[in-house]
């Protein structure tokens, strides 16, 4: 799996561990960059399923409580970056809520996990 990183400057935008137990079918793209940071212990990984369920690590969380969970994890230390695994069929409204929660937690960098598309 390849990770594409889009540094998201969330200014002005409206809206633990890895997600090994959460299954998403990520979008497929051609221009993807590898991001080994997602495999690091303590990486902030958030997943959004096709049904709109939000997971922080392996724990299902309410989308509007995600900010609190991120702030708690940041108090322990670590990189101020979230890796977002979004099912390709998820509604973008759900993604917007999650991005707003990430911004509310004071995190300005988001990496989107995607699959590299074959030619």
PDB file of N, CA and C in Angstrom:
ATOM      1  N   UNK A   1       0.844  -1.169   0.000  1.00  0.00           N
ATOM      2  CA  UNK A   1       0.000   0.000   0.000  1.00  0.00           C
ATOM      3  C   UNK A   1       0.896   1.241   0.000  1.00  0.00           C
ATOM      4  N   UNK A   2       0.563   2.157  -0.782  1.00  0.00           N
ATOM      5  CA  UNK A   2       1.315   3.403  -0.899  1.00  0.00           C
ATOM      6  C   UNK A   2       0.534   4.509  -0.205  1.00  0.00           C
ATOM      7  N   UNK A   3       1.238   5.427   0.371  1.00  0.00           N
ATOM      8  CA  UNK A   3       0.585   6.540   1.055  1.00  0.00           C
ATOM      9  C   UNK A   3       0.863   7.822   0.293  1.00  0.00           C
ATOM     10  N   UNK A   4      -0.179   8.488  -0.090  1.00  0.00           N
ATOM     11  CA  UNK A   4      -0.022   9.789  -0.740  1.00  0.00           C
ATOM     12  C   UNK A   4      -0.231  10.846   0.328  1.00  0.00           C
ATOM     13  N   UNK A   5       0.621  11.815   0.330  1.00  0.00           N
ATOM     14  CA  UNK A   5       0.497  12.839   1.349  1.00  0.00           C
ATOM     15  C   UNK A   5       0.128  14.154   0.704  1.00  0.00           C
ATOM     16  N   UNK A   6      -0.930  14.702   1.166  1.00  0.00           N
ATOM     17  CA  UNK A   6      -1.344  16.033   0.770  1.00  0.00           C
ATOM     18  C   UNK A   6      -1.245  16.850   2.042  1.00  0.00           C
ATOM     19  N   UNK A   7      -0.305  17.782   2.082  1.00  0.00           N
ATOM     20  CA  UNK A   7      -0.216  18.621   3.261  1.00  0.00           C
ATOM     21  C   UNK A   7      -1.408  19.552   3.213  1.00  0.00           C
ATOM     22  N   UNK A   8      -2.278  19.365   4.138  1.00  0.00           N
ATOM     23  CA  UNK A   8      -3.518  20.117   4.141  1.00  0.00           C
ATOM     24  C   UNK A   8      -3.386  21.274   5.103  1.00  0.00           C
ATOM     25  N   UNK A   9      -3.401  22.457   4.553  1.00  0.00           N
ATOM     26  CA  UNK A   9      -3.438  23.630   5.401  1.00  0.00           C
ATOM     27  C   UNK A   9      -4.898  23.857   5.720  1.00  0.00           C
ATOM     28  N   UNK A  10      -5.260  23.505   6.894  1.00  0.00           N
ATOM     29  CA  UNK A  10      -6.661  23.502   7.271  1.00  0.00           C
ATOM     30  C   UNK A  10      -7.184  24.892   7.620  1.00  0.00           C
ATOM     31  N   UNK A  11      -6.298  25.901   7.601  1.00  0.00           N
ATOM     32  CA  UNK A  11      -6.740  27.249   7.897  1.00  0.00           C
ATOM     33  C   UNK A  11      -7.755  27.690   6.860  1.00  0.00           C
ATOM     34  N   UNK A  12      -8.882  28.139   7.313  1.00  0.00           N
ATOM     35  CA  UNK A  12      -9.913  28.623   6.408  1.00  0.00           C
ATOM     36  C   UNK A  12     -10.752  27.533   5.789  1.00  0.00           C
ATOM     37  N   UNK A  13     -10.450  26.288   6.123  1.00  0.00           N
ATOM     38  CA  UNK A  13     -11.182  25.179   5.549  1.00  0.00           C
ATOM     39  C   UNK A  13     -12.373  24.838   6.437  1.00  0.00           C
ATOM     40  N   UNK A  14     -13.509  24.658   5.880  1.00  0.00           N
ATOM     41  CA  UNK A  14     -14.612  24.167   6.684  1.00  0.00           C
ATOM     42  C   UNK A  14     -14.508  22.679   6.694  1.00  0.00           C
ATOM     43  N   UNK A  15     -15.012  22.734   7.267  1.00  0.00           N
ATOM     44  CA  UNK A  15     -14.950  21.331   7.342  1.00  0.00           C
ATOM     45  C   UNK A  15     -14.688  20.444   6.261  1.00  0.00           C
ATOM     46  N   UNK A  16      -1.847   6.277  18.145  1.00  0.00           N
ATOM     47  CA  UNK A  16      -1.906   5.072  18.824  1.00  0.00           C
ATOM     48  C   UNK A  16      -1.293   4.007  18.053  1.00  0.00           C
ATOM     49  N   UNK A  17      -2.034   3.730  17.507  1.00  0.00           N
ATOM     50  CA  UNK A  17      -1.555   2.579  16.750  1.00  0.00           C
ATOM     51  C   UNK A  17      -2.250   2.586  15.418  1.00  0.00           C
ATOM     52  N   UNK A  18      -1.852   1.653  14.547  1.00  0.00           N
ATOM     53  CA  UNK A  18      -2.443   1.605  13.232  1.00  0.00           C
ATOM     54  C   UNK A  18      -3.863   1.087  13.266  1.00  0.00           C
ATOM     55  N   UNK A  19      -4.534   1.168  12.136  1.00  0.00           N
ATOM     56  CA  UNK A  19      -5.910   0.692  12.008  1.00  0.00           C
ATOM     57  C   UNK A  19      -5.887  -0.692  11.384  1.00  0.00           C
ATOM     58  N   UNK A  20      -5.189  -1.598  12.019  1.00  0.00           N
ATOM     59  CA  UNK A  20      -5.018  -2.913  11.416  1.00  0.00           C
ATOM     60  C   UNK A  20      -6.314  -3.703  11.381  1.00  0.00           C
ATOM     61  N   UNK A  21      -7.225  -3.442  12.326  1.00  0.00           N
ATOM     62  CA  UNK A  21      -8.473  -4.184  12.376  1.00  0.00           C
ATOM     63  C   UNK A  21      -9.591  -3.530  11.584  1.00  0.00           C
ATOM     64  N   UNK A  22      -9.345  -2.385  10.985  1.00  0.00           N
ATOM     65  CA  UNK A  22     -10.373  -1.643  10.267  1.00  0.00           C
ATOM     66  C   UNK A  22     -10.145  -1.826   8.778  1.00  0.00           C
ATOM     67  N   UNK A  23     -11.186  -2.289   8.090  1.00  0.00           N
ATOM     68  CA  UNK A  23     -11.064  -2.550   6.665  1.00  0.00           C
ATOM     69  C   UNK A  23     -11.663  -1.406   5.860  1.00  0.00           C
ATOM     70  N   UNK A  24     -10.839  -0.782   5.019  1.00  0.00           N
ATOM     71  CA  UNK A  24     -11.321   0.238   4.090  1.00  0.00           C
ATOM     72  C   UNK A  24     -10.775  -0.087   2.710  1.00  0.00           C
ATOM     73  N   UNK A  25     -11.492   0.323   1.691  1.00  0.00           N
ATOM     74  CA  UNK A  25     -11.056   0.163   0.313  1.00  0.00           C
ATOM     75  C   UNK A  25     -10.628   1.543  -0.174  1.00  0.00           C
ATOM     76  N   UNK A  26      -9.325   1.872  -0.036  1.00  0.00           N
ATOM     77  CA  UNK A  26      -8.879   3.235  -0.353  1.00  0.00           C
ATOM     78  C   UNK A  26      -8.962   3.548  -1.845  1.00  0.00           C
ATOM     79  N   UNK A  27      -9.032   4.840  -2.167  1.00  0.00           N
ATOM     80  CA  UNK A  27      -9.028   5.235  -3.577  1.00  0.00           C
ATOM     81  C   UNK A  27      -7.727   4.818  -4.259  1.00  0.00           C
ATOM     82  N   UNK A  28      -7.789   4.640  -5.559  1.00  0.00           N
ATOM     83  CA  UNK A  28      -6.611   4.261  -6.329  1.00  0.00           C
ATOM     84  C   UNK A  28      -6.161   5.468  -7.155  1.00  0.00           C
ATOM     85  N   UNK A  29      -4.862   5.788  -7.060  1.00  0.00           N
ATOM     86  CA  UNK A  29      -4.312   6.942  -7.768  1.00  0.00           C
ATOM     87  C   UNK A  29      -3.014   6.552  -8.449  1.00  0.00           C
ATOM     88  N   UNK A  30      -2.567   7.374  -9.393  1.00  0.00           N
ATOM     89  CA  UNK A  30      -1.307   7.103 -10.091  1.00  0.00           C
ATOM     90  C   UNK A  30      -0.124   7.729  -9.376  1.00  0.00           C
ATOM     91  N   UNK A  31      -0.245   8.974  -8.967  1.00  0.00           N
ATOM     92  CA  UNK A  31       0.880   9.677  -8.353  1.00  0.00           C
ATOM     93  C   UNK A  31       0.838   9.552  -6.845  1.00  0.00           C
ATOM     94  N   UNK A  32       1.484   8.546  -6.310  1.00  0.00           N
ATOM     95  CA  UNK A  32       1.465   8.312  -4.869  1.00  0.00           C
ATOM     96  C   UNK A  32       2.897   8.258  -4.345  1.00  0.00           C
ATOM     97  N   UNK A  33       3.074   8.718  -3.123  1.00  0.00           N
ATOM     98  CA  UNK A  33       4.384   8.695  -2.491  1.00  0.00           C
ATOM     99  C   UNK A  33       4.335   7.798  -1.265  1.00  0.00           C
ATOM    100  N   UNK A  34       5.415   7.088  -1.040  1.00  0.00           N
ATOM    101  CA  UNK A  34       5.500   6.231   0.134  1.00  0.00           C
ATOM    102  C   UNK A  34       5.707   7.092   1.378  1.00  0.00           C
ATOM    103  N   UNK A  35       5.007   6.762   2.453  1.00  0.00           N
ATOM    104  CA  UNK A  35       5.138   7.472   3.721  1.00  0.00           C
ATOM    105  C   UNK A  35       5.351   6.446   4.831  1.00  0.00           C
ATOM    106  N   UNK A  36       6.602   6.164   5.158  1.00  0.00           N
ATOM    107  CA  UNK A  36       6.872   5.141   6.170  1.00  0.00           C
ATOM    108  C   UNK A  36       6.413   5.535   7.582  1.00  0.00           C
ATOM    109  N   UNK A  37       6.085   6.801   7.833  1.00  0.00           N
ATOM    110  CA  UNK A  37       5.672   7.254   9.155  1.00  0.00           C
ATOM    111  C   UNK A  37       4.410   6.593   9.668  1.00  0.00           C
ATOM    112  N   UNK A  38       3.574   6.088   8.761  1.00  0.00           N
ATOM    113  CA  UNK A  38       2.328   5.455   9.185  1.00  0.00           C
ATOM    114  C   UNK A  38       2.601   4.145   9.936  1.00  0.00           C
ATOM    115  N   UNK A  39       3.732   3.532   9.676  1.00  0.00           N
ATOM    116  CA  UNK A  39       4.086   2.278  10.333  1.00  0.00           C
ATOM    117  C   UNK A  39       4.770   2.494  11.681  1.00  0.00           C
ATOM    118  N   UNK A  40       5.037   3.741  12.019  1.00  0.00           N
ATOM    119  CA  UNK A  40       5.727   4.076  13.251  1.00  0.00           C
ATOM    120  C   UNK A  40       4.810   3.847  14.443  1.00  0.00           C
ATOM    121  N   UNK A  41       5.377   3.378  15.541  1.00  0.00           N
ATOM    122  CA  UNK A  41       4.634   3.208  16.793  1.00  0.00           C
ATOM    123  C   UNK A  41       4.095   4.563  17.231  1.00  0.00           C
ATOM    124  N   UNK A  42       2.826   4.640  17.557  1.00  0.00           N
ATOM    125  CA  UNK A  42       2.237   5.881  18.024  1.00  0.00           C
ATOM    126  C   UNK A  42       1.753   6.812  16.928  1.00  0.00           C
ATOM    127  N   UNK A  43       1.790   6.379  15.677  1.00  0.00           N
ATOM    128  CA  UNK A  43       1.286   7.230  14.587  1.00  0.00           C
ATOM    129  C   UNK A  43      -0.211   7.474  14.784  1.00  0.00           C
ATOM    130  N   UNK A  44      -0.657   8.671  14.482  1.00  0.00           N
ATOM    131  CA  UNK A  44      -2.072   9.029  14.610  1.00  0.00           C
ATOM    132  C   UNK A  44      -2.796   8.619  13.335  1.00  0.00           C
ATOM    133  N   UNK A  45      -3.497   7.481  13.394  1.00  0.00           N
ATOM    134  CA  UNK A  45      -4.174   6.931  12.224  1.00  0.00           C
ATOM    135  C   UNK A  45      -5.685   6.967  12.463  1.00  0.00           C
ATOM    136  N   UNK A  46      -6.395   7.596  11.533  1.00  0.00           N
ATOM    137  CA  UNK A  46      -7.852   7.684  11.594  1.00  0.00           C
ATOM    138  C   UNK A  46      -8.397   7.030  10.330  1.00  0.00           C
ATOM    139  N   UNK A  47      -9.410   6.188  10.486  1.00  0.00           N
ATOM    140  CA  UNK A  47     -10.025   5.521   9.333  1.00  0.00           C
ATOM    141  C   UNK A  47     -11.505   5.889   9.270  1.00  0.00           C
ATOM    142  N   UNK A  48     -12.009   6.018   8.047  1.00  0.00           N
ATOM    143  CA  UNK A  48     -13.426   6.267   7.811  1.00  0.00           C
ATOM    144  C   UNK A  48     -13.934   5.170   6.890  1.00  0.00           C
ATOM    145  N   UNK A  49     -14.915   4.402   7.365  1.00  0.00           N
ATOM    146  CA  UNK A  49     -15.456   3.302   6.568  1.00  0.00           C
ATOM    147  C   UNK A  49     -16.445   3.837   5.540  1.00  0.00           C
ATOM    148  N   UNK A  50     -16.868   2.985   4.654  1.00  0.00           N
ATOM    149  CA  UNK A  50     -17.828   3.395   3.623  1.00  0.00           C
ATOM    150  C   UNK A  50     -19.160   3.815   4.239  1.00  0.00           C
ATOM    151  N   UNK A  51     -19.473   3.292   5.426  1.00  0.00           N
ATOM    152  CA  UNK A  51     -20.728   3.648   6.088  1.00  0.00           C
ATOM    153  C   UNK A  51     -20.606   4.921   6.924  1.00  0.00           C
ATOM    154  N   UNK A  52     -19.400   5.507   6.990  1.00  0.00           N
ATOM    155  CA  UNK A  52     -19.203   6.737   7.743  1.00  0.00           C
ATOM    156  C   UNK A  52     -18.726   6.528   9.169  1.00  0.00           C
ATOM    157  N   UNK A  53     -18.492   5.276   9.552  1.00  0.00           N
ATOM    158  CA  UNK A  53     -17.953   5.010  10.890  1.00  0.00           C
ATOM    159  C   UNK A  53     -16.522   5.519  10.960  1.00  0.00           C
ATOM    160  N   UNK A  54     -16.153   6.121  12.092  1.00  0.00           N
ATOM    161  CA  UNK A  54     -14.824   6.692  12.289  1.00  0.00           C
ATOM    162  C   UNK A  54     -14.086   5.864  13.329  1.00  0.00           C
ATOM    163  N   UNK A  55     -12.833   5.536  13.019  1.00  0.00           N
ATOM    164  CA  UNK A  55     -11.993   4.757  13.915  1.00  0.00           C
ATOM    165  C   UNK A  55     -10.702   5.508  14.185  1.00  0.00           C
ATOM    166  N   UNK A  56     -10.321   5.558  15.436  1.00  0.00           N
ATOM    167  CA  UNK A  56      -9.024   6.120  15.826  1.00  0.00           C
ATOM    168  C   UNK A  56      -8.220   4.952  16.352  1.00  0.00           C
ATOM    169  N   UNK A  57      -7.194   4.561  15.605  1.00  0.00           N
ATOM    170  CA  UNK A  57      -6.538   3.293  15.897  1.00  0.00           C
ATOM    171  C   UNK A  57      -7.542   2.198  15.596  1.00  0.00           C
ATOM    172  N   UNK A  58      -7.747   1.288  16.530  1.00  0.00           N
ATOM    173  CA  UNK A  58      -8.725   0.223  16.341  1.00  0.00           C
ATOM    174  C   UNK A  58     -10.043   0.517  17.038  1.00  0.00           C
ATOM    175  N   UNK A  59     -10.160   1.683  17.667  1.00  0.00           N
ATOM    176  CA  UNK A  59     -11.347   2.026  18.434  1.00  0.00           C
ATOM    177  C   UNK A  59     -12.324   2.851  17.607  1.00  0.00           C
ATOM    178  N   UNK A  60     -13.589   2.424  17.604  1.00  0.00           N
ATOM    179  CA  UNK A  60     -14.622   3.215  16.941  1.00  0.00           C
ATOM    180  C   UNK A  60     -14.929   4.411  17.834  1.00  0.00           C
ATOM    181  N   UNK A  61     -14.950   5.596  17.239  1.00  0.00           N
ATOM    182  CA  UNK A  61     -15.213   6.829  17.992  1.00  0.00           C
ATOM    183  C   UNK A  61     -16.311   7.618  17.291  1.00  0.00           C
ATOM    184  N   UNK A  62     -16.975   8.455  18.057  1.00  0.00           N
ATOM    185  CA  UNK A  62     -17.933   9.374  17.453  1.00  0.00           C
ATOM    186  C   UNK A  62     -17.151  10.439  16.704  1.00  0.00           C
ATOM    187  N   UNK A  63     -17.595  10.816  15.515  1.00  0.00           N
ATOM    188  CA  UNK A  63     -16.815  11.779  14.735  1.00  0.00           C
ATOM    189  C   UNK A  63     -16.597  13.106  15.458  1.00  0.00           C
ATOM    190  N   UNK A  64     -17.558  13.505  16.298  1.00  0.00           N
ATOM    191  CA  UNK A  64     -17.420  14.785  16.984  1.00  0.00           C
ATOM    192  C   UNK A  64     -16.616  14.688  18.284  1.00  0.00           C
ATOM    193  N   UNK A  65     -16.186  13.488  18.665  1.00  0.00           N
ATOM    194  CA  UNK A  65     -15.320  13.342  19.842  1.00  0.00           C
ATOM    195  C   UNK A  65     -13.874  13.063  19.440  1.00  0.00           C
ATOM    196  N   UNK A  66     -13.618  13.029  18.138  1.00  0.00           N
ATOM    197  CA  UNK A  66     -12.275  12.720  17.650  1.00  0.00           C
ATOM    198  C   UNK A  66     -11.252  13.752  18.101  1.00  0.00           C
ATOM    199  N   UNK A  67     -11.611  15.028  18.092  1.00  0.00           N
ATOM    200  CA  UNK A  67     -10.691  16.087  18.488  1.00  0.00           C
ATOM    201  C   UNK A  67     -10.144  15.847  19.901  1.00  0.00           C
ATOM    202  N   UNK A  68     -11.025  15.508  20.833  1.00  0.00           N
ATOM    203  CA  UNK A  68     -10.597  15.235  22.211  1.00  0.00           C
ATOM    204  C   UNK A  68      -9.605  14.083  22.267  1.00  0.00           C
ATOM    205  N   UNK A  69      -9.891  13.033  21.528  1.00  0.00           N
ATOM    206  CA  UNK A  69      -9.003  11.854  21.520  1.00  0.00           C
ATOM    207  C   UNK A  69      -7.635  12.202  20.953  1.00  0.00           C
ATOM    208  N   UNK A  70      -7.610  13.007  19.888  1.00  0.00           N
ATOM    209  CA  UNK A  70      -6.335  13.416  19.297  1.00  0.00           C
ATOM    210  C   UNK A  70      -5.534  14.271  20.270  1.00  0.00           C
ATOM    211  N   UNK A  71      -6.185  15.218  20.937  1.00  0.00           N
ATOM    212  CA  UNK A  71      -5.496  16.073  21.903  1.00  0.00           C
ATOM    213  C   UNK A  71      -4.907  15.231  23.028  1.00  0.00           C
ATOM    214  N   UNK A  72      -5.646  14.245  23.516  1.00  0.00           N
ATOM    215  CA  UNK A  72      -5.130  13.355  24.569  1.00  0.00           C
ATOM    216  C   UNK A  72      -3.868  12.638  24.113  1.00  0.00           C
ATOM    217  N   UNK A  73      -3.883  12.141  22.886  1.00  0.00           N
ATOM    218  CA  UNK A  73      -2.699  11.440  22.366  1.00  0.00           C
ATOM    219  C   UNK A  73      -1.531  12.381  22.164  1.00  0.00           C
ATOM    220  N   UNK A  74      -1.795  13.622  21.744  1.00  0.00           N
ATOM    221  CA  UNK A  74      -0.718  14.580  21.526  1.00  0.00           C
ATOM    222  C   UNK A  74      -0.045  14.982  22.832  1.00  0.00           C
ATOM    223  N   UNK A  75      -0.758  14.918  23.940  1.00  0.00           N
ATOM    224  CA  UNK A  75      -0.161  15.243  25.241  1.00  0.00           C
ATOM    225  C   UNK A  75       0.966  14.290  25.580  1.00  0.00           C
ATOM    226  N   UNK A  76       0.880  13.066  25.104  1.00  0.00           N
ATOM    227  CA  UNK A  76       1.914  12.059  25.345  1.00  0.00           C
ATOM    228  C   UNK A  76       3.135  12.340  24.485  1.00  0.00           C
ATOM    229  N   UNK A  77       2.954  13.085  23.414  1.00  0.00           N
ATOM    230  CA  UNK A  77       4.045  13.397  22.492  1.00  0.00           C
ATOM    231  C   UNK A  77       3.815  12.736  21.152  1.00  0.00           C
ATOM    232  N   UNK A  78       4.740  12.947  20.256  1.00  0.00           N
ATOM    233  CA  UNK A  78       4.655  12.348  18.936  1.00  0.00           C
ATOM    234  C   UNK A  78       4.486  13.381  17.841  1.00  0.00           C
ATOM    235  N   UNK A  79       4.449  12.893  16.639  1.00  0.00           N
ATOM    236  CA  UNK A  79       4.345  13.727  15.446  1.00  0.00           C
ATOM    237  C   UNK A  79       2.961  14.355  15.347  1.00  0.00           C
ATOM    238  N   UNK A  80       2.906  15.624  14.996  1.00  0.00           N
ATOM    239  CA  UNK A  80       1.634  16.339  14.845  1.00  0.00           C
ATOM    240  C   UNK A  80       1.146  16.169  13.402  1.00  0.00           C
ATOM    241  N   UNK A  81       0.838  14.925  13.069  1.00  0.00           N
ATOM    242  CA  UNK A  81       0.393  14.579  11.723  1.00  0.00           C
ATOM    243  C   UNK A  81      -0.606  13.437  11.848  1.00  0.00           C
ATOM    244  N   UNK A  82      -1.678  13.512  11.086  1.00  0.00           N
ATOM    245  CA  UNK A  82      -2.682  12.451  11.078  1.00  0.00           C
ATOM    246  C   UNK A  82      -2.629  11.745   9.735  1.00  0.00           C
ATOM    247  N   UNK A  83      -2.671  10.432   9.777  1.00  0.00           N
ATOM    248  CA  UNK A  83      -2.765   9.614   8.566  1.00  0.00           C
ATOM    249  C   UNK A  83      -4.226   9.196   8.441  1.00  0.00           C
ATOM    250  N   UNK A  84      -4.858   9.568   7.344  1.00  0.00           N
ATOM    251  CA  UNK A  84      -6.285   9.346   7.149  1.00  0.00           C
ATOM    252  C   UNK A  84      -6.510   8.250   6.118  1.00  0.00           C
ATOM    253  N   UNK A  85      -7.166   7.171   6.565  1.00  0.00           N
ATOM    254  CA  UNK A  85      -7.527   6.064   5.678  1.00  0.00           C
ATOM    255  C   UNK A  85      -9.020   6.176   5.410  1.00  0.00           C
ATOM    256  N   UNK A  86      -9.377   6.533   4.195  1.00  0.00           N
ATOM    257  CA  UNK A  86     -10.784   6.753   3.847  1.00  0.00           C
ATOM    258  C   UNK A  86     -11.200   5.750   2.782  1.00  0.00           C
ATOM    259  N   UNK A  87     -12.308   5.068   3.028  1.00  0.00           N
ATOM    260  CA  UNK A  87     -12.859   4.191   2.007  1.00  0.00           C
ATOM    261  C   UNK A  87     -13.236   5.037   0.802  1.00  0.00           C
ATOM    262  N   UNK A  88     -12.927   4.559  -0.384  1.00  0.00           N
ATOM    263  CA  UNK A  88     -13.193   5.300  -1.609  1.00  0.00           C
ATOM    264  C   UNK A  88     -14.665   5.597  -1.838  1.00  0.00           C
ATOM    265  N   UNK A  89     -15.557   4.875  -1.147  1.00  0.00           N
ATOM    266  CA  UNK A  89     -16.996   5.093  -1.319  1.00  0.00           C
ATOM    267  C   UNK A  89     -17.614   5.872  -0.163  1.00  0.00           C
ATOM    268  N   UNK A  90     -16.777   6.345   0.766  1.00  0.00           N
ATOM    269  CA  UNK A  90     -17.293   7.127   1.901  1.00  0.00           C
ATOM    270  C   UNK A  90     -17.814   8.469   1.409  1.00  0.00           C
ATOM    271  N   UNK A  91     -18.798   8.988   2.099  1.00  0.00           N
ATOM    272  CA  UNK A  91     -19.338  10.305   1.751  1.00  0.00           C
ATOM    273  C   UNK A  91     -18.355  11.382   2.187  1.00  0.00           C
ATOM    274  N   UNK A  92     -18.146  12.370   1.320  1.00  0.00           N
ATOM    275  CA  UNK A  92     -17.172  13.410   1.621  1.00  0.00           C
ATOM    276  C   UNK A  92     -17.615  14.291   2.774  1.00  0.00           C
ATOM    277  N   UNK A  93     -18.894  14.315   3.091  1.00  0.00           N
ATOM    278  CA  UNK A  93     -19.360  15.045   4.262  1.00  0.00           C
ATOM    279  C   UNK A  93     -18.750  14.488   5.534  1.00  0.00           C
ATOM    280  N   UNK A  94     -18.621  13.164   5.609  1.00  0.00           N
ATOM    281  CA  UNK A  94     -17.981  12.513   6.765  1.00  0.00           C
ATOM    282  C   UNK A  94     -16.509  12.897   6.831  1.00  0.00           C
ATOM    283  N   UNK A  95     -15.859  12.931   5.696  1.00  0.00           N
ATOM    284  CA  UNK A  95     -14.440  13.301   5.649  1.00  0.00           C
ATOM    285  C   UNK A  95     -14.272  14.746   6.117  1.00  0.00           C
ATOM    286  N   UNK A  96     -15.180  15.620   5.720  1.00  0.00           N
ATOM    287  CA  UNK A  96     -15.123  17.018   6.134  1.00  0.00           C
ATOM    288  C   UNK A  96     -15.228  17.182   7.640  1.00  0.00           C
ATOM    289  N   UNK A  97     -16.106  16.408   8.263  1.00  0.00           N
ATOM    290  CA  UNK A  97     -16.254  16.460   9.721  1.00  0.00           C
ATOM    291  C   UNK A  97     -14.955  16.026  10.385  1.00  0.00           C
ATOM    292  N   UNK A  98     -14.353  14.948   9.896  1.00  0.00           N
ATOM    293  CA  UNK A  98     -13.107  14.450  10.476  1.00  0.00           C
ATOM    294  C   UNK A  98     -11.990  15.476  10.294  1.00  0.00           C
ATOM    295  N   UNK A  99     -11.879  16.072   9.112  1.00  0.00           N
ATOM    296  CA  UNK A  99     -10.846  17.090   8.893  1.00  0.00           C
ATOM    297  C   UNK A  99     -11.043  18.291   9.816  1.00  0.00           C
ATOM    298  N   UNK A 100     -12.291  18.653  10.059  1.00  0.00           N
ATOM    299  CA  UNK A 100     -12.566  19.754  10.981  1.00  0.00           C
ATOM    300  C   UNK A 100     -12.129  19.392  12.403  1.00  0.00           C
ATOM    301  N   UNK A 101     -12.350  18.164  12.803  1.00  0.00           N
ATOM    302  CA  UNK A 101     -11.933  17.703  14.127  1.00  0.00           C
ATOM    303  C   UNK A 101     -10.404  17.671  14.246  1.00  0.00           C
ATOM    304  N   UNK A 102      -9.728  17.290  13.173  1.00  0.00           N
ATOM    305  CA  UNK A 102      -8.257  17.289  13.159  1.00  0.00           C
ATOM    306  C   UNK A 102      -7.744  18.713  13.337  1.00  0.00           C
ATOM    307  N   UNK A 103      -8.333  19.643  12.612  1.00  0.00           N
ATOM    308  CA  UNK A 103      -7.950  21.048  12.729  1.00  0.00           C
ATOM    309  C   UNK A 103      -8.217  21.565  14.136  1.00  0.00           C
ATOM    310  N   UNK A 104      -9.353  21.197  14.719  1.00  0.00           N
ATOM    311  CA  UNK A 104      -9.692  21.626  16.078  1.00  0.00           C
ATOM    312  C   UNK A 104      -8.691  21.113  17.104  1.00  0.00           C
ATOM    313  N   UNK A 105      -8.058  19.989  16.811  1.00  0.00           N
ATOM    314  CA  UNK A 105      -7.048  19.430  17.708  1.00  0.00           C
ATOM    315  C   UNK A 105      -5.698  20.122  17.535  1.00  0.00           C
ATOM    316  N   UNK A 106      -5.599  21.053  16.577  1.00  0.00           N
ATOM    317  CA  UNK A 106      -4.354  21.780  16.362  1.00  0.00           C
ATOM    318  C   UNK A 106      -3.379  21.086  15.433  1.00  0.00           C
ATOM    319  N   UNK A 107      -3.875  20.155  14.646  1.00  0.00           N
ATOM    320  CA  UNK A 107      -3.018  19.411  13.717  1.00  0.00           C
ATOM    321  C   UNK A 107      -3.248  19.960  12.316  1.00  0.00           C
ATOM    322  N   UNK A 108      -2.170  20.365  11.652  1.00  0.00           N
ATOM    323  CA  UNK A 108      -2.293  20.973  10.338  1.00  0.00           C
ATOM    324  C   UNK A 108      -1.770  20.126   9.197  1.00  0.00           C
ATOM    325  N   UNK A 109      -1.304  18.937   9.491  1.00  0.00           N
ATOM    326  CA  UNK A 109      -0.760  18.099   8.422  1.00  0.00           C
ATOM    327  C   UNK A 109      -1.495  16.766   8.406  1.00  0.00           C
ATOM    328  N   UNK A 110      -2.000  16.398   7.224  1.00  0.00           N
ATOM    329  CA  UNK A 110      -2.774  15.179   7.058  1.00  0.00           C
ATOM    330  C   UNK A 110      -2.213  14.401   5.878  1.00  0.00           C
ATOM    331  N   UNK A 111      -1.966  13.111   6.077  1.00  0.00           N
ATOM    332  CA  UNK A 111      -1.554  12.228   4.989  1.00  0.00           C
ATOM    333  C   UNK A 111      -2.718  11.326   4.624  1.00  0.00           C
ATOM    334  N   UNK A 112      -3.073  11.272   3.346  1.00  0.00           N
ATOM    335  CA  UNK A 112      -4.163  10.417   2.892  1.00  0.00           C
ATOM    336  C   UNK A 112      -3.594   9.098   2.373  1.00  0.00           C
ATOM    337  N   UNK A 113      -4.090   7.995   2.892  1.00  0.00           N
ATOM    338  CA  UNK A 113      -3.636   6.665   2.471  1.00  0.00           C
ATOM    339  C   UNK A 113      -4.407   6.264   1.223  1.00  0.00           C
ATOM    340  N   UNK A 114      -3.678   5.890   0.192  1.00  0.00           N
ATOM    341  CA  UNK A 114      -4.285   5.479  -1.075  1.00  0.00           C
ATOM    342  C   UNK A 114      -3.553   4.235  -1.586  1.00  0.00           C
ATOM    343  N   UNK A 115      -4.098   3.631  -2.616  1.00  0.00           N
ATOM    344  CA  UNK A 115      -3.432   2.530  -3.299  1.00  0.00           C
ATOM    345  C   UNK A 115      -2.917   3.035  -4.619  1.00  0.00           C
ATOM    346  N   UNK A 116      -1.750   2.538  -5.005  1.00  0.00           N
ATOM    347  CA  UNK A 116      -1.193   2.924  -6.294  1.00  0.00           C
ATOM    348  C   UNK A 116      -1.920   2.170  -7.393  1.00  0.00           C
ATOM    349  N   UNK A 117      -2.396   2.913  -8.385  1.00  0.00           N
ATOM    350  CA  UNK A 117      -3.124   2.330  -9.518  1.00  0.00           C
ATOM    351  C   UNK A 117      -2.122   1.824 -10.544  1.00  0.00           C
ATOM    352  N   UNK A 118      -2.392   0.654 -11.069  1.00  0.00           N
ATOM    353  CA  UNK A 118      -1.556   0.124 -12.140  1.00  0.00           C
ATOM    354  C   UNK A 118      -1.858   0.829 -13.444  1.00  0.00           C
ATOM    355  N   UNK A 119      -0.974   0.700 -14.405  1.00  0.00           N
ATOM    356  CA  UNK A 119      -1.154   1.382 -15.698  1.00  0.00           C
ATOM    357  C   UNK A 119      -2.173   0.727 -16.531  1.00  0.00           C
TER     358      UNK A 119
END
